[in-house]
Amino acid sequence: MLYFIVQQTLICAIPLLIVATAGIFSEKGGILNFSLEGIMLAGAFVGTYYLHGTENGTQGDYLLALLLAGVAGTVIILPHAISSISLKGDQIISGMAINLLVPAATVIIARALIGRLQIAFTNTYMIREVPAFSHIPIIGDMFFKNTYISNLLGPIIILAAVFVFNKTRFGAHLKACGENPQAAASTGINVTKIRYIGVLVSGFIGGVGGLIFIVPNATEYASTVAGYGYLAVAVVIFGQWNPLRILFAAVFFGFMKTLANIYTIIPILVYLEISTNLYKMIPYLATIILLFVITKRSAQPRALGVIYDAGGN
């Protein structure tokens, strides 16, 4: 049972980890990204539409679908980038507009393309065993059996984010733009360019996360990612905009979500006779409580959400 719980926690945590990492690429540069739900939906829609056209798809098909999902996320977030950076609009409104627009748009497009809302695909992407690694005692059964190639992307993306923010010039410039864009500009940094890159990278990673949520959990796209985009925003805050802390936050919320889904197979939880609805509320109650505690000592970038005017202060 322990192996099953770990595997289910990974299925819940990996999309959260990836999409939360997407969020920090935008917010480290000072641009609020509340559009993660819409970005996930866009990526999930385009990715599943590609998989819909394949039969007995290979891992190569899945990787290509992930790439297309990332491109979709990049395209969808572009209006948010233009509104927030170039037009100096309200970053919350433009982000939420994407969340409201994308579900409706995907319904219309899906019906136009295939005549129905749901975009079904054949899930042939589970890897029964990863050669060599699956034979490692304990962790082989937990992490390298009955898994997906996308599960490996979570650790890769978070390690890449740590490297970018701590070891590259771009990462240093992005953080500078999120802390004090005027000071960054005075040193010759192109704040507008850096922020655009950060937001577009955020869109790409978020789109990938949308498809990664769908594939292990369903065999069709039905215009929903179960609120994971909003939960990812909470993970960013809980993780204090720090990639490694976000890793632990995503695992925590993933475990809470798993507990809500599988409590019926855990005898002691069944014995308690607690309402099913309460278990379903656990991840969101934990989110509210932790956010209430965390926001009192928030480490968010100082210029997050603040409009940058190159000609002003």
Protein backbone atom coordinates (compact mmCIF):
# COMPACT_ATOMS: atom_id res chain seq x y z
CA MET A 1 0.00 0.00 0.00
CA LEU A 2 2.90 2.34 0.74
CA TYR A 3 4.15 2.01 -2.84
CA PHE A 4 0.68 2.81 -4.17
CA ILE A 5 0.36 5.89 -1.94
CA VAL A 6 3.77 7.16 -3.06
CA GLN A 7 2.93 6.66 -6.73
CA GLN A 8 -0.45 8.38 -6.36
CA THR A 9 1.19 11.25 -4.48
CA LEU A 10 3.60 11.70 -7.36
CA ILE A 11 0.75 11.79 -9.87
CA CYS A 12 -0.86 14.57 -7.85
CA ALA A 13 2.34 16.41 -6.90
CA ILE A 14 4.25 16.49 -10.20
CA PRO A 15 1.74 18.71 -12.07
CA LEU A 16 1.57 21.04 -9.07
CA LEU A 17 5.36 21.17 -8.89
CA ILE A 18 5.73 21.96 -12.59
CA VAL A 19 2.96 24.55 -12.75
CA ALA A 20 4.11 26.24 -9.53
CA THR A 21 7.61 26.42 -11.01
CA ALA A 22 6.03 28.06 -14.04
CA GLY A 23 4.51 30.63 -11.71
CA ILE A 24 7.81 31.64 -10.14
CA PHE A 25 9.43 32.34 -13.52
CA SER A 26 6.85 35.06 -14.04
CA GLU A 27 6.63 36.31 -10.46
CA LYS A 28 10.37 36.36 -9.78
CA GLY A 29 10.46 39.03 -12.49
CA GLY A 30 7.67 41.02 -10.85
CA ILE A 31 4.68 39.94 -12.97
CA LEU A 32 1.77 38.34 -11.13
CA ASN A 33 0.58 35.16 -12.80
CA PHE A 34 -2.94 34.22 -11.77
CA SER A 35 -3.53 32.71 -15.22
CA LEU A 36 -2.04 29.29 -14.41
CA GLU A 37 -5.43 27.57 -14.58
CA GLY A 38 -6.07 28.88 -18.09
CA ILE A 39 -2.54 28.07 -19.19
CA MET A 40 -2.90 24.49 -17.96
CA LEU A 41 -6.20 24.16 -19.82
CA ALA A 42 -4.67 25.46 -23.05
CA GLY A 43 -1.76 23.04 -22.81
CA ALA A 44 -4.02 20.13 -21.90
CA PHE A 45 -6.36 20.92 -24.80
CA VAL A 46 -3.68 21.13 -27.50
CA GLY A 47 -1.74 18.16 -26.13
CA THR A 48 -4.75 15.86 -25.89
CA TYR A 49 -5.95 16.93 -29.33
CA TYR A 50 -2.63 15.78 -30.75
CA LEU A 51 -2.82 12.50 -28.80
CA HIS A 52 -6.42 12.09 -30.01
CA GLY A 53 -5.05 11.70 -33.53
CA THR A 54 -2.63 8.92 -32.59
CA GLU A 55 -3.38 5.26 -31.93
CA ASN A 56 -1.13 3.22 -29.66
CA GLY A 57 1.01 6.32 -29.26
CA THR A 58 4.69 6.02 -28.41
CA GLN A 59 6.72 7.88 -25.83
CA GLY A 60 7.90 10.05 -28.70
CA ASP A 61 4.29 11.02 -29.38
CA TYR A 62 3.85 11.92 -25.74
CA LEU A 63 6.98 14.07 -25.72
CA LEU A 64 5.84 15.86 -28.87
CA ALA A 65 2.42 16.43 -27.28
CA LEU A 66 4.17 17.94 -24.25
CA LEU A 67 6.10 20.26 -26.55
CA LEU A 68 2.91 21.35 -28.31
CA ALA A 69 1.25 21.88 -24.93
CA GLY A 70 4.12 24.16 -23.93
CA VAL A 71 3.77 26.16 -27.14
CA ALA A 72 0.03 26.53 -26.47
CA GLY A 73 0.75 27.83 -22.97
CA THR A 74 3.23 30.34 -24.40
CA VAL A 75 0.70 31.64 -26.93
CA ILE A 76 -2.07 31.91 -24.35
CA ILE A 77 0.04 33.87 -21.86
CA LEU A 78 1.30 36.34 -24.46
CA PRO A 79 -1.73 38.70 -24.11
CA HIS A 80 -1.13 38.73 -20.34
CA ALA A 81 2.50 39.67 -20.95
CA ILE A 82 1.56 42.46 -23.36
CA SER A 83 -1.12 43.81 -21.05
CA SER A 84 1.04 43.67 -17.93
CA ILE A 85 4.39 44.78 -19.33
CA SER A 86 3.80 46.91 -22.41
CA LEU A 87 0.34 48.32 -21.68
CA LYS A 88 0.91 48.48 -17.91
CA GLY A 89 -2.53 47.05 -17.23
CA ASP A 90 -3.88 45.38 -14.12
CA GLN A 91 -2.05 42.08 -13.81
CA ILE A 92 -4.77 40.35 -11.82
CA ILE A 93 -7.51 41.22 -14.30
CA SER A 94 -5.58 40.08 -17.38
CA GLY A 95 -4.57 36.85 -15.65
CA MET A 96 -8.09 36.03 -14.53
CA ALA A 97 -9.41 36.92 -17.98
CA ILE A 98 -7.34 34.07 -19.41
CA ASN A 99 -8.77 31.70 -16.80
CA LEU A 100 -12.29 32.66 -17.86
CA LEU A 101 -11.64 32.73 -21.61
CA VAL A 102 -9.77 29.47 -22.15
CA PRO A 103 -12.39 26.98 -20.85
CA ALA A 104 -15.09 28.51 -23.04
CA ALA A 105 -12.77 28.77 -26.04
CA THR A 106 -11.69 25.14 -25.81
CA VAL A 107 -15.32 24.01 -25.68
CA ILE A 108 -16.11 25.93 -28.86
CA ILE A 109 -12.97 24.77 -30.67
CA ALA A 110 -13.41 21.13 -29.59
CA ARG A 111 -16.97 21.05 -30.90
CA ALA A 112 -15.86 22.64 -34.15
CA LEU A 113 -13.01 20.14 -34.61
CA ILE A 114 -14.54 16.84 -33.50
CA GLY A 115 -18.18 17.63 -32.79
CA ARG A 116 -18.05 17.07 -29.04
CA LEU A 117 -16.62 18.62 -25.88
CA GLN A 118 -14.53 15.69 -24.70
CA ILE A 119 -11.32 14.97 -26.59
CA ALA A 120 -10.53 11.33 -25.95
CA PHE A 121 -7.17 9.62 -26.39
CA THR A 122 -5.78 6.16 -25.82
CA ASN A 123 -3.46 6.17 -22.83
CA THR A 124 -0.55 3.96 -23.82
CA TYR A 125 2.07 6.08 -22.11
CA MET A 126 2.52 4.30 -18.78
CA ILE A 127 5.98 2.77 -18.41
CA ARG A 128 5.68 -0.57 -16.64
CA GLU A 129 9.34 -0.69 -15.72
CA VAL A 130 12.30 1.61 -16.28
CA PRO A 131 15.19 -0.67 -17.27
CA ALA A 132 17.86 -1.08 -14.58
CA PHE A 133 16.36 1.56 -12.26
CA SER A 134 13.25 -0.53 -11.54
CA HIS A 135 15.43 -3.17 -9.88
CA ILE A 136 16.81 -0.82 -7.24
CA PRO A 137 15.52 -1.97 -3.85
CA ILE A 138 12.54 -0.02 -2.47
CA ILE A 139 12.83 3.10 -4.63
CA GLY A 140 12.68 1.00 -7.79
CA ASP A 141 9.14 -0.11 -6.98
CA MET A 142 8.12 3.36 -5.81
CA PHE A 143 9.50 5.55 -8.57
CA PHE A 144 10.44 3.43 -11.57
CA LYS A 145 7.51 1.05 -12.01
CA ASN A 146 4.07 1.92 -13.39
CA THR A 147 5.25 5.45 -13.99
CA TYR A 148 5.22 8.07 -16.73
CA ILE A 149 8.10 9.78 -18.46
CA SER A 150 6.51 13.05 -17.35
CA ASN A 151 7.18 12.09 -13.71
CA LEU A 152 10.87 12.56 -14.45
CA LEU A 153 10.23 16.07 -15.73
CA GLY A 154 9.23 17.37 -12.30
CA PRO A 155 12.67 16.92 -10.68
CA ILE A 156 14.39 18.00 -13.92
CA ILE A 157 12.39 21.23 -14.16
CA ILE A 158 12.84 22.13 -10.49
CA LEU A 159 16.60 21.48 -10.67
CA ALA A 160 16.78 23.53 -13.85
CA ALA A 161 14.94 26.36 -12.08
CA VAL A 162 17.39 26.24 -9.15
CA PHE A 163 20.29 26.40 -11.60
CA VAL A 164 18.77 29.27 -13.59
CA PHE A 165 17.99 31.42 -10.56
CA ASN A 166 21.25 30.77 -8.72
CA LYS A 167 23.87 30.21 -11.41
CA THR A 168 22.93 32.18 -14.53
CA ARG A 169 22.99 35.83 -15.49
CA PHE A 170 19.42 35.65 -16.72
CA GLY A 171 18.26 34.35 -13.34
CA ALA A 172 20.06 37.15 -11.53
CA HIS A 173 18.57 39.73 -13.88
CA LEU A 174 15.07 38.27 -13.50
CA LYS A 175 15.30 38.43 -9.71
CA ALA A 176 16.61 41.99 -9.90
CA CYS A 177 13.64 43.00 -12.04
CA GLY A 178 11.29 41.54 -9.45
CA GLU A 179 12.96 43.25 -6.51
CA ASN A 180 13.75 46.72 -7.88
CA PRO A 181 13.25 47.21 -11.62
CA GLN A 182 14.43 50.83 -11.53
CA ALA A 183 17.74 49.82 -9.95
CA ALA A 184 18.04 46.94 -12.41
CA ALA A 185 17.49 49.31 -15.34
CA SER A 186 20.13 51.69 -13.99
CA THR A 187 22.73 48.91 -14.35
CA GLY A 188 21.85 48.39 -18.01
CA ILE A 189 19.35 45.52 -17.66
CA ASN A 190 16.51 45.63 -20.18
CA VAL A 191 13.66 45.15 -17.70
CA THR A 192 10.97 44.84 -20.36
CA LYS A 193 12.86 42.14 -22.27
CA ILE A 194 13.72 40.14 -19.15
CA ARG A 195 10.14 40.27 -17.90
CA TYR A 196 8.78 39.15 -21.26
CA ILE A 197 11.11 36.17 -21.29
CA GLY A 198 10.15 35.24 -17.73
CA VAL A 199 6.42 35.37 -18.49
CA LEU A 200 6.74 33.40 -21.73
CA VAL A 201 8.84 30.72 -20.03
CA SER A 202 6.14 30.60 -17.37
CA GLY A 203 3.52 30.00 -20.05
CA PHE A 204 5.53 27.23 -21.70
CA ILE A 205 6.14 25.31 -18.47
CA GLY A 206 2.54 25.82 -17.35
CA GLY A 207 1.22 24.43 -20.63
CA VAL A 208 3.40 21.35 -20.22
CA GLY A 209 2.04 20.95 -16.69
CA GLY A 210 -1.52 20.98 -18.02
CA LEU A 211 -0.97 17.90 -20.18
CA ILE A 212 1.03 16.20 -17.44
CA PHE A 213 -2.02 16.56 -15.20
CA ILE A 214 -4.36 15.01 -17.78
CA VAL A 215 -2.46 11.96 -19.02
CA PRO A 216 -2.11 9.95 -15.76
CA ASN A 217 -5.58 10.94 -14.49
CA ALA A 218 -7.91 10.62 -17.47
CA THR A 219 -8.32 9.43 -21.03
CA GLU A 220 -9.95 12.61 -22.29
CA TYR A 221 -9.84 16.38 -22.06
CA ALA A 222 -13.10 17.74 -20.63
CA SER A 223 -12.29 21.43 -20.15
CA THR A 224 -11.09 21.06 -16.59
CA VAL A 225 -7.86 20.56 -14.64
CA ALA A 226 -9.65 20.29 -11.30
CA GLY A 227 -8.53 23.69 -10.07
CA TYR A 228 -4.86 22.70 -10.09
CA GLY A 229 -3.87 26.05 -11.57
CA TYR A 230 -5.33 27.88 -8.58
CA LEU A 231 -3.78 25.35 -6.21
CA ALA A 232 -0.42 25.94 -7.91
CA VAL A 233 -0.70 29.64 -7.04
CA ALA A 234 -1.10 28.58 -3.41
CA VAL A 235 1.94 26.30 -3.72
CA VAL A 236 4.01 29.25 -4.99
CA ILE A 237 3.02 31.30 -1.95
CA PHE A 238 3.46 28.39 0.46
CA GLY A 239 6.88 27.73 -1.09
CA GLN A 240 7.80 31.40 -0.69
CA TRP A 241 8.90 31.75 -4.34
CA ASN A 242 11.80 29.38 -3.64
CA PRO A 243 12.11 26.39 -6.04
CA LEU A 244 13.23 23.89 -3.40
CA ARG A 245 10.55 24.95 -0.94
CA ILE A 246 8.02 24.67 -3.73
CA LEU A 247 9.12 21.05 -4.16
CA PHE A 248 8.20 20.27 -0.56
CA ALA A 249 4.98 22.29 -0.82
CA ALA A 250 3.91 20.39 -3.94
CA VAL A 251 4.60 17.03 -2.28
CA PHE A 252 2.61 18.12 0.78
CA PHE A 253 -0.41 19.19 -1.24
CA GLY A 254 -0.05 16.14 -3.47
CA PHE A 255 -0.19 13.90 -0.40
CA MET A 256 -3.25 15.74 0.91
CA LYS A 257 -4.95 15.31 -2.46
CA THR A 258 -4.02 11.63 -2.54
CA LEU A 259 -5.39 11.12 0.96
CA ALA A 260 -8.69 12.63 -0.15
CA ASN A 261 -8.82 10.28 -3.14
CA ILE A 262 -7.82 6.94 -1.57
CA TYR A 263 -8.96 7.15 2.06
CA THR A 264 -11.42 4.30 1.42
CA ILE A 265 -8.55 1.78 1.17
CA ILE A 266 -6.94 2.88 4.45
CA PRO A 267 -8.70 0.90 7.23
CA ILE A 268 -8.10 3.37 10.07
CA LEU A 269 -9.57 6.25 8.05
CA VAL A 270 -12.60 4.18 7.08
CA TYR A 271 -13.10 3.25 10.74
CA LEU A 272 -13.31 6.95 11.68
CA GLU A 273 -16.44 7.23 9.50
CA ILE A 274 -15.68 10.79 8.49
CA SER A 275 -17.78 12.28 5.70
CA THR A 276 -16.47 11.82 2.16
CA ASN A 277 -17.01 15.52 1.54
CA LEU A 278 -14.68 16.39 4.41
CA TYR A 279 -11.87 14.32 2.93
CA LYS A 280 -12.37 16.07 -0.41
CA MET A 281 -12.10 19.40 1.38
CA ILE A 282 -8.82 18.51 3.13
CA PRO A 283 -6.40 19.82 0.44
CA TYR A 284 -8.25 23.11 0.17
CA LEU A 285 -8.69 23.56 3.93
CA ALA A 286 -4.97 22.91 4.36
CA THR A 287 -4.31 25.50 1.65
CA ILE A 288 -6.39 28.17 3.39
CA ILE A 289 -4.85 27.52 6.81
CA LEU A 290 -1.27 27.47 5.55
CA LEU A 291 -1.72 30.55 3.40
CA PHE A 292 -3.10 32.40 6.41
CA VAL A 293 0.05 31.53 8.35
CA ILE A 294 2.54 32.01 5.51
CA THR A 295 1.33 35.40 4.27
CA LYS A 296 2.23 36.95 7.62
CA ARG A 297 5.91 36.43 6.76
CA SER A 298 5.76 36.51 2.98
CA ALA A 299 9.02 36.56 1.03
CA GLN A 300 7.46 37.62 -2.24
CA PRO A 301 9.52 39.77 -4.65
CA ARG A 302 9.22 43.38 -3.53
CA ALA A 303 8.10 44.68 -6.93
CA LEU A 304 5.63 41.84 -7.58
CA GLY A 305 2.56 43.27 -9.29
CA VAL A 306 4.00 46.79 -9.33
CA ILE A 307 3.79 48.55 -12.70
CA TYR A 308 7.20 49.43 -14.06
CA ASP A 309 7.47 52.73 -15.93
CA ALA A 310 10.83 53.13 -17.61
CA GLY A 311 10.38 56.87 -17.65
CA GLY A 312 9.19 57.18 -14.08
CA ASN A 313 10.04 56.04 -10.62
